């Protein structure tokens, strides 16, 4: 019996995984069961999914890379016990997760058919990330563990910069399959393809992600400009931020920051509670001082 197809979406913080999934859900004709998880004790990514089906699911309990055990296993097993099975399972890994750990869990389940790992990278930041003392190991291991590598945000580079980026990848890694894109758009058949046997992966490698996550629930409204300035302040070494907050007019806004690009947009979602997750580098991100500053720009 052929198992339920499962595709793993991997990629570092801010590479466009949520956008990729939204693109899929808006256009697919398949019954997709979506498992969403992000670093932090609130599943911000699930809240941000704009297109929804009856099969959208999220894993409770924190970061997949650190607590993938019982919650992931039980959730996947529930897929197999449903009266109507999904056509395809798409699992979004945390931005700091290594695919090998998740693949190890999936391999224990004979009712699943693992199709492969789709890895998103940010073309505009990839070369600098590969030279970053604190995150280069994570980025490199993620790239080593791909079946399809998607070079996203290529519109942010000049042609010669893009060629240099591709050259760096080809010299340092064995690239199985490769696509360039903008706004994380790829064809469904490319994304959900069965890539066959994956790369041999050292499943014994341990991950020490080196990040601190703050889940912040503002009780008042916030000045969007002041919030932008605070997040961009190099003093705090903020690597990632995403979620919801209310501006001074009481309007609900989404915020997404990947360490380089910051977007704040109004949304029609009727969120009663403001909440967002901020991720910073361990030993550099002063959580207490940042939260104190954040409280200072709130208005009751």
Protein backbone atom coordinates (compact mmCIF):
# COMPACT_ATOMS: atom_id res chain seq x y z
CA UNK A 1 0.00 0.00 0.00
CA UNK A 2 1.33 3.45 -0.95
CA UNK A 3 1.51 5.81 2.03
CA UNK A 4 0.19 9.36 2.31
CA UNK A 5 2.65 11.65 0.47
CA UNK A 6 4.51 14.06 2.75
CA UNK A 7 6.66 17.02 1.73
CA UNK A 8 8.85 18.88 4.23
CA UNK A 9 9.29 22.65 3.80
CA UNK A 10 12.56 23.82 5.29
CA UNK A 11 14.49 27.07 5.32
CA UNK A 12 16.06 29.60 7.65
CA UNK A 13 14.14 32.41 9.33
CA UNK A 14 12.62 34.87 6.86
CA UNK A 15 13.22 32.94 3.64
CA UNK A 16 9.51 32.88 2.67
CA UNK A 17 8.17 29.52 3.85
CA UNK A 18 4.81 30.92 4.94
CA UNK A 19 4.43 32.78 1.64
CA UNK A 20 5.21 29.57 -0.24
CA UNK A 21 2.51 27.71 1.68
CA UNK A 22 -0.03 30.48 1.15
CA UNK A 23 0.70 30.34 -2.59
CA UNK A 24 0.05 26.59 -2.58
CA UNK A 25 -3.18 26.79 -0.58
CA UNK A 26 -4.61 29.51 -2.80
CA UNK A 27 -4.21 27.47 -5.98
CA UNK A 28 -4.20 23.75 -5.15
CA UNK A 29 -7.04 21.42 -6.04
CA UNK A 30 -5.72 18.78 -3.64
CA UNK A 31 -6.84 18.18 -0.06
CA UNK A 32 -3.73 19.46 1.69
CA UNK A 33 -3.14 18.72 5.36
CA UNK A 34 -0.85 21.47 6.60
CA UNK A 35 1.30 21.13 9.73
CA UNK A 36 2.68 24.46 10.88
CA UNK A 37 5.14 25.14 13.65
CA UNK A 38 7.46 28.01 14.51
CA UNK A 39 10.06 28.89 17.14
CA UNK A 40 8.19 30.25 20.16
CA UNK A 41 5.28 29.20 22.31
CA UNK A 42 2.66 30.68 19.97
CA UNK A 43 2.13 29.23 16.49
CA UNK A 44 2.35 32.60 14.77
CA UNK A 45 2.69 31.06 11.31
CA UNK A 46 -0.66 29.26 11.59
CA UNK A 47 -2.33 32.54 12.53
CA UNK A 48 -0.89 34.23 9.45
CA UNK A 49 -2.09 31.65 6.93
CA UNK A 50 -4.52 33.57 4.73
CA UNK A 51 -5.98 30.68 2.70
CA UNK A 52 -7.61 27.99 4.78
CA UNK A 53 -9.01 24.53 4.18
CA UNK A 54 -10.56 22.00 6.50
CA UNK A 55 -7.21 20.24 6.54
CA UNK A 56 -5.06 23.04 7.97
CA UNK A 57 -3.51 21.72 11.18
CA UNK A 58 -0.82 22.97 13.52
CA UNK A 59 1.49 21.19 15.96
CA UNK A 60 1.27 22.45 19.54
CA UNK A 61 4.23 22.50 21.87
CA UNK A 62 6.98 24.67 20.45
CA UNK A 63 9.86 24.26 18.02
CA UNK A 64 9.80 21.20 15.78
CA UNK A 65 13.56 20.88 15.89
CA UNK A 66 13.59 20.63 19.66
CA UNK A 67 10.29 19.00 20.56
CA UNK A 68 9.26 17.06 17.49
CA UNK A 69 8.57 13.89 19.52
CA UNK A 70 5.11 12.96 20.73
CA UNK A 71 3.22 15.96 19.34
CA UNK A 72 4.47 15.39 15.80
CA UNK A 73 4.00 11.63 15.94
CA UNK A 74 0.47 11.83 17.36
CA UNK A 75 -0.56 14.50 14.85
CA UNK A 76 0.74 12.50 11.91
CA UNK A 77 -0.93 9.35 13.21
CA UNK A 78 -4.23 11.21 13.41
CA UNK A 79 -3.97 11.84 9.67
CA UNK A 80 -4.02 8.11 9.04
CA UNK A 81 -7.05 7.56 11.28
CA UNK A 82 -9.22 10.20 9.59
CA UNK A 83 -12.18 8.91 7.61
CA UNK A 84 -11.02 10.97 4.62
CA UNK A 85 -7.28 10.87 4.09
CA UNK A 86 -5.49 13.97 2.80
CA UNK A 87 -4.07 13.91 -0.71
CA UNK A 88 -0.80 15.31 0.58
CA UNK A 89 0.73 16.37 3.90
CA UNK A 90 2.89 19.51 3.91
CA UNK A 91 4.97 20.04 7.04
CA UNK A 92 6.62 23.41 7.62
CA UNK A 93 9.73 23.09 9.78
CA UNK A 94 10.89 25.79 12.15
CA UNK A 95 13.37 28.22 10.62
CA UNK A 96 16.20 26.81 12.70
CA UNK A 97 15.29 23.13 12.32
CA UNK A 98 17.41 20.54 10.54
CA UNK A 99 15.38 18.29 8.21
CA UNK A 100 17.23 15.17 9.35
CA UNK A 101 15.49 15.07 12.73
CA UNK A 102 12.04 15.30 11.19
CA UNK A 103 12.88 12.78 8.47
CA UNK A 104 14.02 10.39 11.18
CA UNK A 105 10.57 10.55 12.77
CA UNK A 106 8.74 10.25 9.43
CA UNK A 107 10.76 7.15 8.49
CA UNK A 108 9.23 5.28 11.45
CA UNK A 109 5.71 5.60 10.02
CA UNK A 110 4.84 3.09 7.30
CA UNK A 111 1.61 4.91 6.40
CA UNK A 112 3.62 7.89 5.10
CA UNK A 113 5.49 8.24 1.81
CA UNK A 114 8.21 10.86 2.22
CA UNK A 115 8.52 12.80 -1.04
CA UNK A 116 11.39 15.07 -0.09
CA UNK A 117 12.59 18.34 1.41
CA UNK A 118 11.97 21.67 -0.29
CA UNK A 119 14.48 24.20 1.04
CA UNK A 120 13.93 27.93 0.70
CA UNK A 121 16.89 30.32 0.78
CA UNK A 122 17.00 34.12 0.69
CA UNK A 123 19.15 35.05 -2.30
CA UNK A 124 19.72 38.57 -1.00
CA UNK A 125 21.24 37.35 2.29
CA UNK A 126 22.58 33.88 1.58
CA UNK A 127 26.25 34.70 0.99
CA UNK A 128 26.48 36.82 4.13
CA UNK A 129 24.63 34.15 6.16
CA UNK A 130 27.09 31.48 5.02
CA UNK A 131 29.87 33.66 6.43
CA UNK A 132 28.08 34.50 9.67
CA UNK A 133 29.91 32.98 12.64
CA UNK A 134 26.68 32.28 14.52
CA UNK A 135 24.32 30.89 11.91
CA UNK A 136 26.49 29.56 9.07
CA UNK A 137 26.54 26.00 10.47
CA UNK A 138 22.73 25.86 10.59
CA UNK A 139 22.38 27.33 7.09
CA UNK A 140 24.99 24.94 5.66
CA UNK A 141 23.42 21.85 7.22
CA UNK A 142 19.98 22.85 5.94
CA UNK A 143 21.36 23.23 2.41
CA UNK A 144 23.09 19.85 2.63
CA UNK A 145 19.77 18.23 3.49
CA UNK A 146 17.63 19.44 0.57
CA UNK A 147 15.98 17.67 -2.37
CA UNK A 148 14.83 20.89 -4.07
CA UNK A 149 16.66 24.15 -3.35
CA UNK A 150 14.59 27.28 -4.03
CA UNK A 151 16.55 30.50 -4.33
CA UNK A 152 13.92 33.06 -3.33
CA UNK A 153 13.91 36.89 -3.44
CA UNK A 154 16.09 36.93 -6.56
CA UNK A 155 14.54 40.29 -7.51
CA UNK A 156 16.52 41.91 -4.69
CA UNK A 157 19.84 41.17 -6.43
CA UNK A 158 21.52 42.57 -9.51
CA UNK A 159 22.27 39.97 -12.20
CA UNK A 160 25.99 39.72 -11.32
CA UNK A 161 25.17 39.38 -7.62
CA UNK A 162 22.75 36.57 -8.37
CA UNK A 163 25.34 34.76 -10.49
CA UNK A 164 27.88 35.10 -7.66
CA UNK A 165 25.34 33.64 -5.23
CA UNK A 166 24.67 30.65 -7.50
CA UNK A 167 28.41 30.19 -7.99
CA UNK A 168 28.95 30.10 -4.21
CA UNK A 169 26.25 27.45 -3.82
CA UNK A 170 27.56 25.24 -6.61
CA UNK A 171 31.12 25.34 -5.27
CA UNK A 172 30.25 24.59 -1.65
CA UNK A 173 27.33 22.16 -1.95
CA UNK A 174 26.02 19.27 -4.01
CA UNK A 175 22.83 20.74 -5.47
CA UNK A 176 20.23 18.10 -6.39
CA UNK A 177 17.58 20.30 -8.00
CA UNK A 178 17.47 24.07 -8.13
CA UNK A 179 14.88 26.80 -8.88
CA UNK A 180 15.00 30.61 -8.83
CA UNK A 181 11.89 32.55 -7.83
CA UNK A 182 10.32 35.77 -6.54
CA UNK A 183 7.73 35.98 -3.75
CA UNK A 184 8.27 32.28 -3.01
CA UNK A 185 6.24 31.18 -6.03
CA UNK A 186 6.92 27.75 -7.53
CA UNK A 187 4.62 25.40 -9.43
CA UNK A 188 2.72 22.88 -7.30
CA UNK A 189 4.07 19.93 -9.27
CA UNK A 190 7.65 21.08 -8.55
CA UNK A 191 6.94 21.50 -4.86
CA UNK A 192 5.09 18.22 -4.25
CA UNK A 193 7.17 16.05 -6.56
CA UNK A 194 8.43 12.68 -5.30
CA UNK A 195 12.18 13.25 -5.42
CA UNK A 196 13.06 9.62 -4.71
CA UNK A 197 15.74 8.57 -2.21
CA UNK A 198 17.01 11.61 -0.31
CA UNK A 199 20.60 12.44 0.44
CA UNK A 200 22.23 10.30 3.08
CA UNK A 201 21.89 12.31 6.26
CA UNK A 202 23.81 12.00 9.48
CA UNK A 203 20.89 11.61 11.87
CA UNK A 204 23.17 11.73 14.89
CA UNK A 205 24.18 15.35 14.46
CA UNK A 206 22.96 17.45 17.37
CA UNK A 207 21.60 20.93 16.92
CA UNK A 208 22.29 23.82 19.22
CA UNK A 209 20.32 26.58 17.63
CA UNK A 210 21.76 29.50 19.65
CA UNK A 211 18.65 31.66 19.66
CA UNK A 212 16.37 33.19 22.26
CA UNK A 213 12.66 33.54 21.57
CA UNK A 214 10.40 36.12 23.23
CA UNK A 215 6.63 35.85 22.96
CA UNK A 216 5.22 39.33 23.52
CA UNK A 217 1.58 40.18 24.15
CA UNK A 218 1.15 43.96 24.16
CA UNK A 219 -1.81 45.14 26.21
CA UNK A 220 -1.96 48.58 24.61
CA UNK A 221 -1.65 50.04 21.14
CA UNK A 222 1.73 50.64 19.51
CA UNK A 223 3.32 53.28 17.34
CA UNK A 224 4.27 51.43 14.16
CA UNK A 225 7.20 53.74 13.37
CA UNK A 226 8.65 53.43 16.88
CA UNK A 227 8.26 49.64 16.74
CA UNK A 228 10.07 49.52 13.39
CA UNK A 229 12.93 51.59 14.75
CA UNK A 230 13.22 49.39 17.84
CA UNK A 231 13.31 46.13 15.88
CA UNK A 232 15.96 47.48 13.49
CA UNK A 233 18.17 48.79 16.32
CA UNK A 234 21.47 46.83 15.99
CA UNK A 235 21.89 46.99 19.77
CA UNK A 236 19.33 44.19 20.19
CA UNK A 237 20.47 41.85 17.38
CA UNK A 238 16.91 40.93 16.40
CA UNK A 239 17.00 38.13 13.82
CA UNK A 240 13.25 37.67 13.27
CA UNK A 241 9.88 39.06 14.36
CA UNK A 242 6.35 38.27 13.25
CA UNK A 243 2.80 38.51 14.55
CA UNK A 244 -0.02 40.98 15.18
CA UNK A 245 -0.37 44.28 17.04
CA UNK A 246 -2.80 47.22 17.19
CA UNK A 247 -1.71 50.64 16.03
CA UNK A 248 -2.70 53.94 17.67
CA UNK A 249 -6.01 53.93 15.77
CA UNK A 250 -6.83 50.49 17.13
CA UNK A 251 -6.35 48.85 13.71
CA UNK A 252 -4.90 45.34 13.63
CA UNK A 253 -1.57 45.17 11.79
CA UNK A 254 0.70 42.29 10.85
CA UNK A 255 4.42 42.61 11.32
CA UNK A 256 7.11 40.52 9.63
CA UNK A 257 10.84 41.18 10.00
CA UNK A 258 13.64 38.93 8.78
CA UNK A 259 16.63 40.91 10.04
CA UNK A 260 16.76 42.95 6.83
CA UNK A 261 13.28 43.60 5.45
CA UNK A 262 10.47 44.82 7.70
CA UNK A 263 6.82 44.85 6.64
CA UNK A 264 3.93 46.30 8.62
CA UNK A 265 0.53 46.01 6.98
CA UNK A 266 -3.08 46.54 8.06
CA UNK A 267 -5.23 43.43 8.06
CA UNK A 268 -8.95 42.76 8.17
CA UNK A 269 -8.43 39.95 10.67
CA UNK A 270 -10.33 40.47 13.89
CA UNK A 271 -7.60 39.50 16.35
CA UNK A 272 -8.63 40.18 19.94
CA UNK A 273 -5.13 39.73 21.34
CA UNK A 274 -1.94 41.36 20.10
CA UNK A 275 0.92 38.87 20.04
CA UNK A 276 4.18 38.49 18.21
CA UNK A 277 7.36 36.46 18.52
CA UNK A 278 10.80 38.06 18.52
CA UNK A 279 13.90 35.93 17.95
CA UNK A 280 17.42 37.10 18.71
CA UNK A 281 20.91 35.65 18.80
CA UNK A 282 21.93 34.03 22.06
CA UNK A 283 24.50 36.03 24.06
CA UNK A 284 23.70 39.16 22.02
CA UNK A 285 19.95 39.62 22.35
CA UNK A 286 19.15 41.30 25.68
CA UNK A 287 15.58 40.11 26.12
CA UNK A 288 14.90 42.02 29.34
CA UNK A 289 16.14 45.35 27.99
CA UNK A 290 14.28 44.90 24.70
CA UNK A 291 10.97 44.17 26.41
CA UNK A 292 11.43 47.19 28.69
CA UNK A 293 11.98 49.41 25.65
CA UNK A 294 8.97 47.85 23.95
CA UNK A 295 6.77 48.58 26.94
CA UNK A 296 7.92 52.19 26.70
CA UNK A 297 6.41 52.66 23.24
CA UNK A 298 3.01 51.21 24.16
CA UNK A 299 0.02 53.46 24.81
CA UNK A 300 -2.85 52.27 26.97
